[in-house]
Protein backbone atom coordinates (compact mmCIF):
# COMPACT_ATOMS: atom_id res chain seq x y z
CA UNK A 1 0.00 0.00 0.00
CA UNK A 2 1.34 3.40 -0.99
CA UNK A 3 0.49 6.60 0.86
CA UNK A 4 1.34 10.16 -0.17
CA UNK A 5 2.31 11.92 -3.33
CA UNK A 6 4.13 10.16 -6.10
CA UNK A 7 7.21 11.71 -7.67
CA UNK A 8 5.31 12.47 -10.84
CA UNK A 9 2.96 14.76 -8.88
CA UNK A 10 5.76 17.06 -7.76
CA UNK A 11 6.83 19.94 -9.97
CA UNK A 12 10.57 20.61 -9.66
CA UNK A 13 11.40 24.21 -8.82
CA UNK A 14 14.59 26.13 -8.22
CA UNK A 15 15.06 28.38 -5.24
CA UNK A 16 16.62 31.65 -6.26
CA UNK A 17 16.87 35.31 -5.48
CA UNK A 18 17.61 37.52 -8.45
CA UNK A 19 18.63 40.41 -6.15
CA UNK A 20 21.40 38.52 -4.34
CA UNK A 21 24.81 40.00 -5.00
CA UNK A 22 27.60 38.27 -3.08
CA UNK A 23 30.24 40.88 -3.90
CA UNK A 24 28.29 43.94 -2.74
CA UNK A 25 30.65 44.42 0.26
CA UNK A 26 34.45 44.21 0.36
CA UNK A 27 36.61 44.21 3.49
CA UNK A 28 40.37 44.76 3.10
CA UNK A 29 43.23 44.39 3.96
CA UNK A 30 42.39 40.98 5.32
CA UNK A 31 44.33 39.76 7.23
CA UNK A 32 45.06 43.14 8.81
CA UNK A 33 47.83 44.30 11.08
CA UNK A 34 47.56 48.02 10.38
CA UNK A 35 44.87 48.94 12.94
CA UNK A 36 42.17 49.58 10.34
CA UNK A 37 40.27 47.92 7.51
CA UNK A 38 38.60 49.49 4.50
CA UNK A 39 34.98 48.65 3.76
CA UNK A 40 33.55 49.29 0.31
CA UNK A 41 30.12 48.62 -1.09
CA UNK A 42 28.30 48.82 -4.38
CA UNK A 43 25.41 50.52 -2.58
CA UNK A 44 25.00 54.06 -1.32
CA UNK A 45 24.80 55.25 2.26
CA UNK A 46 26.41 54.54 5.60
CA UNK A 47 27.35 50.97 6.55
CA UNK A 48 26.36 49.66 9.99
CA UNK A 49 29.17 47.47 11.32
CA UNK A 50 29.07 44.92 14.16
CA UNK A 51 32.10 42.80 15.06
CA UNK A 52 31.76 39.44 16.83
CA UNK A 53 34.33 37.02 18.19
CA UNK A 54 34.27 33.36 17.15
CA UNK A 55 31.99 32.51 20.08
CA UNK A 56 29.36 34.91 18.75
CA UNK A 57 29.90 37.55 21.42
CA UNK A 58 29.77 41.09 20.13
CA UNK A 59 33.05 42.86 20.80
CA UNK A 60 33.74 46.56 21.23
CA UNK A 61 32.95 47.59 17.66
CA UNK A 62 29.32 48.53 16.94
CA UNK A 63 29.45 51.58 14.72
CA UNK A 64 28.36 53.19 11.48
CA UNK A 65 31.08 53.53 8.87
CA UNK A 66 30.64 56.59 6.69
CA UNK A 67 34.12 57.17 5.26
CA UNK A 68 34.85 53.52 4.41
CA UNK A 69 37.44 53.00 7.16
CA UNK A 70 36.91 50.92 10.31
CA UNK A 71 39.28 51.26 13.27
CA UNK A 72 40.19 47.76 14.53
CA UNK A 73 43.20 48.78 16.64
CA UNK A 74 41.41 47.71 19.86
CA UNK A 75 41.02 44.11 18.64
CA UNK A 76 43.43 41.41 19.79
CA UNK A 77 45.01 39.09 17.23
CA UNK A 78 42.48 36.49 16.15
CA UNK A 79 39.55 35.71 13.89
CA UNK A 80 36.37 37.79 13.95
CA UNK A 81 33.05 37.89 12.14
CA UNK A 82 32.01 41.30 10.79
CA UNK A 83 28.31 41.91 10.11
CA UNK A 84 27.81 44.65 7.52
CA UNK A 85 24.40 46.24 6.90
CA UNK A 86 23.57 48.92 4.35
CA UNK A 87 19.98 49.83 3.54
CA UNK A 88 18.28 46.41 3.19
CA UNK A 89 21.45 44.43 2.44
CA UNK A 90 23.27 42.46 5.15
CA UNK A 91 26.26 40.16 4.92
CA UNK A 92 28.93 38.70 7.16
CA UNK A 93 32.63 38.56 6.46
CA UNK A 94 35.50 36.84 8.24
CA UNK A 95 38.21 39.23 9.47
CA UNK A 96 41.66 38.13 10.61
CA UNK A 97 43.68 40.43 12.86
CA UNK A 98 47.39 39.61 13.06
PDB file of N, CA and C in Angstrom:
ATOM      1  N   UNK A   1       0.843  -1.175   0.000  1.00  0.00           N
ATOM      2  CA  UNK A   1       0.000   0.000   0.000  1.00  0.00           C
ATOM      3  C   UNK A   1       0.894   1.245   0.000  1.00  0.00           C
ATOM      4  N   UNK A   2       0.553   2.189  -0.830  1.00  0.00           N
ATOM      5  CA  UNK A   2       1.344   3.403  -0.991  1.00  0.00           C
ATOM      6  C   UNK A   2       0.542   4.607  -0.511  1.00  0.00           C
ATOM      7  N   UNK A   3       1.158   5.415   0.329  1.00  0.00           N
ATOM      8  CA  UNK A   3       0.485   6.603   0.863  1.00  0.00           C
ATOM      9  C   UNK A   3       1.307   7.819   0.472  1.00  0.00           C
ATOM     10  N   UNK A   4       0.638   8.910   0.117  1.00  0.00           N
ATOM     11  CA  UNK A   4       1.341  10.161  -0.167  1.00  0.00           C
ATOM     12  C   UNK A   4       1.368  10.472  -1.641  1.00  0.00           C
ATOM     13  N   UNK A   5       2.193  11.413  -1.973  1.00  0.00           N
ATOM     14  CA  UNK A   5       2.311  11.921  -3.328  1.00  0.00           C
ATOM     15  C   UNK A   5       3.394  11.157  -4.076  1.00  0.00           C
ATOM     16  N   UNK A   6       3.103  10.812  -5.295  1.00  0.00           N
ATOM     17  CA  UNK A   6       4.131  10.160  -6.099  1.00  0.00           C
ATOM     18  C   UNK A   6       5.069  11.221  -6.664  1.00  0.00           C
ATOM     19  N   UNK A   7       6.227  10.784  -7.117  1.00  0.00           N
ATOM     20  CA  UNK A   7       7.208  11.709  -7.667  1.00  0.00           C
ATOM     21  C   UNK A   7       6.687  12.442  -8.894  1.00  0.00           C
ATOM     22  N   UNK A   8       5.821  11.829  -9.633  1.00  0.00           N
ATOM     23  CA  UNK A   8       5.306  12.472 -10.842  1.00  0.00           C
ATOM     24  C   UNK A   8       4.351  13.614 -10.522  1.00  0.00           C
ATOM     25  N   UNK A   9       3.867  13.691  -9.269  1.00  0.00           N
ATOM     26  CA  UNK A   9       2.956  14.760  -8.878  1.00  0.00           C
ATOM     27  C   UNK A   9       3.688  16.017  -8.403  1.00  0.00           C
ATOM     28  N   UNK A  10       4.988  15.942  -8.285  1.00  0.00           N
ATOM     29  CA  UNK A  10       5.763  17.056  -7.758  1.00  0.00           C
ATOM     30  C   UNK A  10       6.409  17.812  -8.918  1.00  0.00           C
ATOM     31  N   UNK A  11       6.221  19.108  -8.947  1.00  0.00           N
ATOM     32  CA  UNK A  11       6.834  19.936  -9.968  1.00  0.00           C
ATOM     33  C   UNK A  11       8.173  20.439  -9.440  1.00  0.00           C
ATOM     34  N   UNK A  12       9.271  20.131 -10.130  1.00  0.00           N
ATOM     35  CA  UNK A  12      10.574  20.610  -9.661  1.00  0.00           C
ATOM     36  C   UNK A  12      10.682  22.120  -9.810  1.00  0.00           C
ATOM     37  N   UNK A  13      11.189  22.768  -8.782  1.00  0.00           N
ATOM     38  CA  UNK A  13      11.402  24.211  -8.817  1.00  0.00           C
ATOM     39  C   UNK A  13      12.800  24.519  -8.315  1.00  0.00           C
ATOM     40  N   UNK A  14      13.276  25.674  -8.650  1.00  0.00           N
ATOM     41  CA  UNK A  14      14.586  26.127  -8.220  1.00  0.00           C
ATOM     42  C   UNK A  14      14.403  27.307  -7.279  1.00  0.00           C
ATOM     43  N   UNK A  15      15.079  27.249  -6.150  1.00  0.00           N
ATOM     44  CA  UNK A  15      15.059  28.383  -5.239  1.00  0.00           C
ATOM     45  C   UNK A  15      16.093  29.392  -5.713  1.00  0.00           C
ATOM     46  N   UNK A  16      15.676  30.633  -5.827  1.00  0.00           N
ATOM     47  CA  UNK A  16      16.623  31.649  -6.259  1.00  0.00           C
ATOM     48  C   UNK A  16      16.186  33.013  -5.762  1.00  0.00           C
ATOM     49  N   UNK A  17      17.126  33.925  -5.817  1.00  0.00           N
ATOM     50  CA  UNK A  17      16.865  35.307  -5.482  1.00  0.00           C
ATOM     51  C   UNK A  17      17.645  36.148  -6.481  1.00  0.00           C
ATOM     52  N   UNK A  18      16.957  36.753  -7.393  1.00  0.00           N
ATOM     53  CA  UNK A  18      17.613  37.519  -8.454  1.00  0.00           C
ATOM     54  C   UNK A  18      18.344  38.741  -7.914  1.00  0.00           C
ATOM     55  N   UNK A  19      18.012  39.211  -6.695  1.00  0.00           N
ATOM     56  CA  UNK A  19      18.625  40.409  -6.146  1.00  0.00           C
ATOM     57  C   UNK A  19      19.879  40.125  -5.329  1.00  0.00           C
ATOM     58  N   UNK A  20      20.256  38.857  -5.174  1.00  0.00           N
ATOM     59  CA  UNK A  20      21.404  38.520  -4.341  1.00  0.00           C
ATOM     60  C   UNK A  20      22.698  38.832  -5.069  1.00  0.00           C
ATOM     61  N   UNK A  21      23.520  39.650  -4.440  1.00  0.00           N
ATOM     62  CA  UNK A  21      24.814  39.996  -5.005  1.00  0.00           C
ATOM     63  C   UNK A  21      25.846  39.706  -3.929  1.00  0.00           C
ATOM     64  N   UNK A  22      26.657  38.675  -4.116  1.00  0.00           N
ATOM     65  CA  UNK A  22      27.596  38.266  -3.080  1.00  0.00           C
ATOM     66  C   UNK A  22      28.777  39.206  -2.938  1.00  0.00           C
ATOM     67  N   UNK A  23      29.084  39.990  -3.949  1.00  0.00           N
ATOM     68  CA  UNK A  23      30.237  40.877  -3.901  1.00  0.00           C
ATOM     69  C   UNK A  23      29.851  42.318  -3.598  1.00  0.00           C
ATOM     70  N   UNK A  24      28.708  42.566  -2.964  1.00  0.00           N
ATOM     71  CA  UNK A  24      28.291  43.939  -2.739  1.00  0.00           C
ATOM     72  C   UNK A  24      29.112  44.627  -1.652  1.00  0.00           C
ATOM     73  N   UNK A  25      29.787  43.864  -0.767  1.00  0.00           N
ATOM     74  CA  UNK A  25      30.653  44.422   0.261  1.00  0.00           C
ATOM     75  C   UNK A  25      32.057  43.848   0.112  1.00  0.00           C
ATOM     76  N   UNK A  26      33.057  44.685   0.333  1.00  0.00           N
ATOM     77  CA  UNK A  26      34.449  44.212   0.359  1.00  0.00           C
ATOM     78  C   UNK A  26      35.096  44.744   1.628  1.00  0.00           C
ATOM     79  N   UNK A  27      35.929  43.899   2.232  1.00  0.00           N
ATOM     80  CA  UNK A  27      36.608  44.211   3.487  1.00  0.00           C
ATOM     81  C   UNK A  27      38.094  43.924   3.274  1.00  0.00           C
ATOM     82  N   UNK A  28      38.947  44.952   3.360  1.00  0.00           N
ATOM     83  CA  UNK A  28      40.372  44.761   3.097  1.00  0.00           C
ATOM     84  C   UNK A  28      41.193  45.812   3.838  1.00  0.00           C
ATOM     85  N   UNK A  29      42.457  45.614   4.156  1.00  0.00           N
ATOM     86  CA  UNK A  29      43.228  44.392   3.960  1.00  0.00           C
ATOM     87  C   UNK A  29      42.773  43.317   4.937  1.00  0.00           C
ATOM     88  N   UNK A  30      42.824  42.108   4.498  1.00  0.00           N
ATOM     89  CA  UNK A  30      42.388  40.981   5.321  1.00  0.00           C
ATOM     90  C   UNK A  30      43.258  39.787   4.973  1.00  0.00           C
ATOM     91  N   UNK A  31      44.157  39.380   5.832  1.00  0.00           N
ATOM     92  CA  UNK A  31      44.328  39.764   7.231  1.00  0.00           C
ATOM     93  C   UNK A  31      44.891  41.176   7.375  1.00  0.00           C
ATOM     94  N   UNK A  32      44.633  41.767   8.546  1.00  0.00           N
ATOM     95  CA  UNK A  32      45.060  43.135   8.808  1.00  0.00           C
ATOM     96  C   UNK A  32      45.978  43.187  10.022  1.00  0.00           C
ATOM     97  N   UNK A  33      46.981  44.012   9.932  1.00  0.00           N
ATOM     98  CA  UNK A  33      47.834  44.298  11.077  1.00  0.00           C
ATOM     99  C   UNK A  33      48.105  45.788  11.181  1.00  0.00           C
ATOM    100  N   UNK A  34      47.329  46.587  10.454  1.00  0.00           N
ATOM    101  CA  UNK A  34      47.560  48.022  10.382  1.00  0.00           C
ATOM    102  C   UNK A  34      46.674  48.838  11.315  1.00  0.00           C
ATOM    103  N   UNK A  35      45.749  48.204  12.035  1.00  0.00           N
ATOM    104  CA  UNK A  35      44.868  48.942  12.937  1.00  0.00           C
ATOM    105  C   UNK A  35      43.594  49.450  12.299  1.00  0.00           C
ATOM    106  N   UNK A  36      43.403  49.188  11.021  1.00  0.00           N
ATOM    107  CA  UNK A  36      42.167  49.585  10.345  1.00  0.00           C
ATOM    108  C   UNK A  36      41.891  48.634   9.188  1.00  0.00           C
ATOM    109  N   UNK A  37      40.638  48.613   8.738  1.00  0.00           N
ATOM    110  CA  UNK A  37      40.268  47.923   7.508  1.00  0.00           C
ATOM    111  C   UNK A  37      39.385  48.867   6.698  1.00  0.00           C
ATOM    112  N   UNK A  38      39.450  48.724   5.407  1.00  0.00           N
ATOM    113  CA  UNK A  38      38.595  49.487   4.503  1.00  0.00           C
ATOM    114  C   UNK A  38      37.363  48.654   4.186  1.00  0.00           C
ATOM    115  N   UNK A  39      36.226  49.316   4.124  1.00  0.00           N
ATOM    116  CA  UNK A  39      34.975  48.652   3.761  1.00  0.00           C
ATOM    117  C   UNK A  39      34.399  49.405   2.572  1.00  0.00           C
ATOM    118  N   UNK A  40      34.178  48.685   1.479  1.00  0.00           N
ATOM    119  CA  UNK A  40      33.550  49.293   0.313  1.00  0.00           C
ATOM    120  C   UNK A  40      32.277  48.524  -0.025  1.00  0.00           C
ATOM    121  N   UNK A  41      31.402  49.203  -0.737  1.00  0.00           N
ATOM    122  CA  UNK A  41      30.115  48.619  -1.089  1.00  0.00           C
ATOM    123  C   UNK A  41      29.666  49.145  -2.440  1.00  0.00           C
ATOM    124  N   UNK A  42      28.875  48.359  -3.123  1.00  0.00           N
ATOM    125  CA  UNK A  42      28.299  48.819  -4.385  1.00  0.00           C
ATOM    126  C   UNK A  42      27.073  49.692  -4.150  1.00  0.00           C
ATOM    127  N   UNK A  43      26.574  49.701  -2.918  1.00  0.00           N
ATOM    128  CA  UNK A  43      25.409  50.518  -2.576  1.00  0.00           C
ATOM    129  C   UNK A  43      25.802  51.904  -2.108  1.00  0.00           C
ATOM    130  N   UNK A  44      24.793  52.706  -1.815  1.00  0.00           N
ATOM    131  CA  UNK A  44      25.004  54.064  -1.320  1.00  0.00           C
ATOM    132  C   UNK A  44      24.554  54.150   0.125  1.00  0.00           C
ATOM    133  N   UNK A  45      25.200  55.019   0.879  1.00  0.00           N
ATOM    134  CA  UNK A  45      24.796  55.254   2.261  1.00  0.00           C
ATOM    135  C   UNK A  45      25.785  54.673   3.254  1.00  0.00           C
ATOM    136  N   UNK A  46      25.550  54.992   4.512  1.00  0.00           N
ATOM    137  CA  UNK A  46      26.412  54.537   5.596  1.00  0.00           C
ATOM    138  C   UNK A  46      26.266  53.028   5.795  1.00  0.00           C
ATOM    139  N   UNK A  47      27.328  52.412   6.316  1.00  0.00           N
ATOM    140  CA  UNK A  47      27.346  50.971   6.548  1.00  0.00           C
ATOM    141  C   UNK A  47      27.394  50.724   8.048  1.00  0.00           C
ATOM    142  N   UNK A  48      26.381  50.048   8.580  1.00  0.00           N
ATOM    143  CA  UNK A  48      26.361  49.661   9.993  1.00  0.00           C
ATOM    144  C   UNK A  48      27.266  48.449  10.159  1.00  0.00           C
ATOM    145  N   UNK A  49      28.175  48.507  11.137  1.00  0.00           N
ATOM    146  CA  UNK A  49      29.174  47.466  11.317  1.00  0.00           C
ATOM    147  C   UNK A  49      29.121  46.927  12.738  1.00  0.00           C
ATOM    148  N   UNK A  50      29.011  45.610  12.874  1.00  0.00           N
ATOM    149  CA  UNK A  50      29.072  44.922  14.160  1.00  0.00           C
ATOM    150  C   UNK A  50      30.143  43.856  14.059  1.00  0.00           C
ATOM    151  N   UNK A  51      31.016  43.774  15.067  1.00  0.00           N
ATOM    152  CA  UNK A  51      32.099  42.796  15.059  1.00  0.00           C
ATOM    153  C   UNK A  51      31.880  41.809  16.198  1.00  0.00           C
ATOM    154  N   UNK A  52      31.990  40.512  15.870  1.00  0.00           N
ATOM    155  CA  UNK A  52      31.764  39.437  16.826  1.00  0.00           C
ATOM    156  C   UNK A  52      32.997  38.556  16.893  1.00  0.00           C
ATOM    157  N   UNK A  53      33.253  37.993  18.088  1.00  0.00           N
ATOM    158  CA  UNK A  53      34.335  37.018  18.186  1.00  0.00           C
ATOM    159  C   UNK A  53      33.817  35.668  17.689  1.00  0.00           C
ATOM    160  N   UNK A  54      34.657  34.660  17.688  1.00  0.00           N
ATOM    161  CA  UNK A  54      34.271  33.359  17.146  1.00  0.00           C
ATOM    162  C   UNK A  54      33.248  32.626  18.006  1.00  0.00           C
ATOM    163  N   UNK A  55      33.020  33.093  19.230  1.00  0.00           N
ATOM    164  CA  UNK A  55      31.986  32.509  20.083  1.00  0.00           C
ATOM    165  C   UNK A  55      30.638  33.191  19.879  1.00  0.00           C
ATOM    166  N   UNK A  56      30.610  34.212  19.034  1.00  0.00           N
ATOM    167  CA  UNK A  56      29.365  34.914  18.747  1.00  0.00           C
ATOM    168  C   UNK A  56      29.114  36.092  19.658  1.00  0.00           C
ATOM    169  N   UNK A  57      30.048  36.408  20.520  1.00  0.00           N
ATOM    170  CA  UNK A  57      29.905  37.546  21.423  1.00  0.00           C
ATOM    171  C   UNK A  57      30.310  38.823  20.706  1.00  0.00           C
ATOM    172  N   UNK A  58      29.442  39.829  20.787  1.00  0.00           N
ATOM    173  CA  UNK A  58      29.772  41.091  20.131  1.00  0.00           C
ATOM    174  C   UNK A  58      30.907  41.764  20.899  1.00  0.00           C
ATOM    175  N   UNK A  59      31.918  42.186  20.175  1.00  0.00           N
ATOM    176  CA  UNK A  59      33.051  42.865  20.797  1.00  0.00           C
ATOM    177  C   UNK A  59      32.837  44.370  20.729  1.00  0.00           C
ATOM    178  N   UNK A  60      33.840  45.117  21.044  1.00  0.00           N
ATOM    179  CA  UNK A  60      33.739  46.557  21.232  1.00  0.00           C
ATOM    180  C   UNK A  60      33.121  47.301  20.037  1.00  0.00           C
ATOM    181  N   UNK A  61      33.323  46.817  18.852  1.00  0.00           N
ATOM    182  CA  UNK A  61      32.950  47.591  17.662  1.00  0.00           C
ATOM    183  C   UNK A  61      31.482  47.385  17.294  1.00  0.00           C
ATOM    184  N   UNK A  62      30.720  48.454  17.375  1.00  0.00           N
ATOM    185  CA  UNK A  62      29.324  48.527  16.938  1.00  0.00           C
ATOM    186  C   UNK A  62      29.147  49.967  16.471  1.00  0.00           C
ATOM    187  N   UNK A  63      29.385  50.203  15.200  1.00  0.00           N
ATOM    188  CA  UNK A  63      29.452  51.577  14.715  1.00  0.00           C
ATOM    189  C   UNK A  63      28.920  51.694  13.296  1.00  0.00           C
ATOM    190  N   UNK A  64      28.726  52.904  12.867  1.00  0.00           N
ATOM    191  CA  UNK A  64      28.356  53.193  11.485  1.00  0.00           C
ATOM    192  C   UNK A  64      29.580  53.746  10.766  1.00  0.00           C
ATOM    193  N   UNK A  65      29.926  53.113   9.661  1.00  0.00           N
ATOM    194  CA  UNK A  65      31.080  53.528   8.866  1.00  0.00           C
ATOM    195  C   UNK A  65      30.581  54.415   7.737  1.00  0.00           C
ATOM    196  N   UNK A  66      31.052  55.652   7.726  1.00  0.00           N
ATOM    197  CA  UNK A  66      30.638  56.588   6.691  1.00  0.00           C
ATOM    198  C   UNK A  66      31.757  56.806   5.678  1.00  0.00           C
ATOM    199  N   UNK A  67      32.997  56.861   6.141  1.00  0.00           N
ATOM    200  CA  UNK A  67      34.123  57.171   5.261  1.00  0.00           C
ATOM    201  C   UNK A  67      34.811  55.937   4.694  1.00  0.00           C
ATOM    202  N   UNK A  68      34.281  54.743   4.966  1.00  0.00           N
ATOM    203  CA  UNK A  68      34.849  53.524   4.411  1.00  0.00           C
ATOM    204  C   UNK A  68      36.002  52.941   5.192  1.00  0.00           C
ATOM    205  N   UNK A  69      36.295  53.476   6.369  1.00  0.00           N
ATOM    206  CA  UNK A  69      37.436  52.999   7.156  1.00  0.00           C
ATOM    207  C   UNK A  69      36.967  52.640   8.562  1.00  0.00           C
ATOM    208  N   UNK A  70      37.309  51.420   8.981  1.00  0.00           N
ATOM    209  CA  UNK A  70      36.912  50.922  10.305  1.00  0.00           C
ATOM    210  C   UNK A  70      38.156  50.743  11.159  1.00  0.00           C
ATOM    211  N   UNK A  71      38.168  51.367  12.333  1.00  0.00           N
ATOM    212  CA  UNK A  71      39.282  51.262  13.270  1.00  0.00           C
ATOM    213  C   UNK A  71      39.179  49.934  14.013  1.00  0.00           C
ATOM    214  N   UNK A  72      40.164  49.058  13.845  1.00  0.00           N
ATOM    215  CA  UNK A  72      40.193  47.761  14.529  1.00  0.00           C
ATOM    216  C   UNK A  72      41.408  47.654  15.448  1.00  0.00           C
ATOM    217  N   UNK A  73      41.992  48.785  15.817  1.00  0.00           N
ATOM    218  CA  UNK A  73      43.204  48.782  16.638  1.00  0.00           C
ATOM    219  C   UNK A  73      42.963  48.231  18.041  1.00  0.00           C
ATOM    220  N   UNK A  74      41.726  48.244  18.530  1.00  0.00           N
ATOM    221  CA  UNK A  74      41.413  47.711  19.860  1.00  0.00           C
ATOM    222  C   UNK A  74      41.239  46.193  19.871  1.00  0.00           C
ATOM    223  N   UNK A  75      41.231  45.554  18.705  1.00  0.00           N
ATOM    224  CA  UNK A  75      41.024  44.108  18.640  1.00  0.00           C
ATOM    225  C   UNK A  75      42.339  43.361  18.841  1.00  0.00           C
ATOM    226  N   UNK A  76      42.285  42.291  19.621  1.00  0.00           N
ATOM    227  CA  UNK A  76      43.433  41.407  19.791  1.00  0.00           C
ATOM    228  C   UNK A  76      43.600  40.558  18.540  1.00  0.00           C
ATOM    229  N   UNK A  77      44.785  39.993  18.358  1.00  0.00           N
ATOM    230  CA  UNK A  77      45.008  39.090  17.232  1.00  0.00           C
ATOM    231  C   UNK A  77      44.024  37.931  17.314  1.00  0.00           C
ATOM    232  N   UNK A  78      43.439  37.582  16.179  1.00  0.00           N
ATOM    233  CA  UNK A  78      42.480  36.485  16.152  1.00  0.00           C
ATOM    234  C   UNK A  78      41.554  36.592  14.958  1.00  0.00           C
ATOM    235  N   UNK A  79      40.520  35.760  14.975  1.00  0.00           N
ATOM    236  CA  UNK A  79      39.546  35.709  13.887  1.00  0.00           C
ATOM    237  C   UNK A  79      38.221  36.269  14.396  1.00  0.00           C
ATOM    238  N   UNK A  80      37.613  37.130  13.600  1.00  0.00           N
ATOM    239  CA  UNK A  80      36.370  37.795  13.955  1.00  0.00           C
ATOM    240  C   UNK A  80      35.371  37.670  12.802  1.00  0.00           C
ATOM    241  N   UNK A  81      34.118  37.835  13.135  1.00  0.00           N
ATOM    242  CA  UNK A  81      33.048  37.889  12.136  1.00  0.00           C
ATOM    243  C   UNK A  81      32.528  39.325  12.121  1.00  0.00           C
ATOM    244  N   UNK A  82      32.475  39.926  10.938  1.00  0.00           N
ATOM    245  CA  UNK A  82      32.008  41.296  10.787  1.00  0.00           C
ATOM    246  C   UNK A  82      30.658  41.258  10.078  1.00  0.00           C
ATOM    247  N   UNK A  83      29.649  41.802  10.720  1.00  0.00           N
ATOM    248  CA  UNK A  83      28.313  41.907  10.112  1.00  0.00           C
ATOM    249  C   UNK A  83      28.189  43.309   9.531  1.00  0.00           C
ATOM    250  N   UNK A  84      27.917  43.380   8.228  1.00  0.00           N
ATOM    251  CA  UNK A  84      27.806  44.652   7.522  1.00  0.00           C
ATOM    252  C   UNK A  84      26.376  44.818   7.023  1.00  0.00           C
ATOM    253  N   UNK A  85      25.770  45.964   7.329  1.00  0.00           N
ATOM    254  CA  UNK A  85      24.400  46.242   6.904  1.00  0.00           C
ATOM    255  C   UNK A  85      24.351  47.612   6.253  1.00  0.00           C
ATOM    256  N   UNK A  86      23.761  47.658   5.072  1.00  0.00           N
ATOM    257  CA  UNK A  86      23.570  48.919   4.354  1.00  0.00           C
ATOM    258  C   UNK A  86      22.209  48.869   3.687  1.00  0.00           C
ATOM    259  N   UNK A  87      21.350  49.818   4.030  1.00  0.00           N
ATOM    260  CA  UNK A  87      19.976  49.834   3.541  1.00  0.00           C
ATOM    261  C   UNK A  87      19.324  48.498   3.884  1.00  0.00           C
ATOM    262  N   UNK A  88      18.913  47.705   2.923  1.00  0.00           N
ATOM    263  CA  UNK A  88      18.283  46.408   3.189  1.00  0.00           C
ATOM    264  C   UNK A  88      19.206  45.226   2.937  1.00  0.00           C
ATOM    265  N   UNK A  89      20.490  45.490   2.721  1.00  0.00           N
ATOM    266  CA  UNK A  89      21.453  44.429   2.444  1.00  0.00           C
ATOM    267  C   UNK A  89      22.298  44.154   3.680  1.00  0.00           C
ATOM    268  N   UNK A  90      22.444  42.873   4.016  1.00  0.00           N
ATOM    269  CA  UNK A  90      23.272  42.461   5.145  1.00  0.00           C
ATOM    270  C   UNK A  90      24.112  41.275   4.727  1.00  0.00           C
ATOM    271  N   UNK A  91      25.373  41.277   5.164  1.00  0.00           N
ATOM    272  CA  UNK A  91      26.261  40.155   4.918  1.00  0.00           C
ATOM    273  C   UNK A  91      27.216  40.022   6.087  1.00  0.00           C
ATOM    274  N   UNK A  92      27.882  38.895   6.160  1.00  0.00           N
ATOM    275  CA  UNK A  92      28.926  38.698   7.159  1.00  0.00           C
ATOM    276  C   UNK A  92      30.216  38.347   6.441  1.00  0.00           C
ATOM    277  N   UNK A  93      31.310  38.816   7.006  1.00  0.00           N
ATOM    278  CA  UNK A  93      32.635  38.563   6.465  1.00  0.00           C
ATOM    279  C   UNK A  93      33.545  38.117   7.594  1.00  0.00           C
ATOM    280  N   UNK A  94      34.498  37.252   7.268  1.00  0.00           N
ATOM    281  CA  UNK A  94      35.502  36.842   8.240  1.00  0.00           C
ATOM    282  C   UNK A  94      36.643  37.858   8.183  1.00  0.00           C
ATOM    283  N   UNK A  95      37.112  38.278   9.369  1.00  0.00           N
ATOM    284  CA  UNK A  95      38.214  39.226   9.469  1.00  0.00           C
ATOM    285  C   UNK A  95      39.295  38.618  10.346  1.00  0.00           C
ATOM    286  N   UNK A  96      40.525  38.639   9.858  1.00  0.00           N
ATOM    287  CA  UNK A  96      41.657  38.134  10.613  1.00  0.00           C
ATOM    288  C   UNK A  96      42.532  39.312  11.021  1.00  0.00           C
ATOM    289  N   UNK A  97      42.787  39.416  12.334  1.00  0.00           N
ATOM    290  CA  UNK A  97      43.676  40.432  12.863  1.00  0.00           C
ATOM    291  C   UNK A  97      44.970  39.737  13.271  1.00  0.00           C
ATOM    292  N   UNK A  98      46.089  40.221  12.747  1.00  0.00           N
ATOM    293  CA  UNK A  98      47.390  39.612  13.060  1.00  0.00           C
ATOM    294  C   UNK A  98      48.072  40.359  14.182  1.00  0.00           C
TER     295      UNK A  98
END
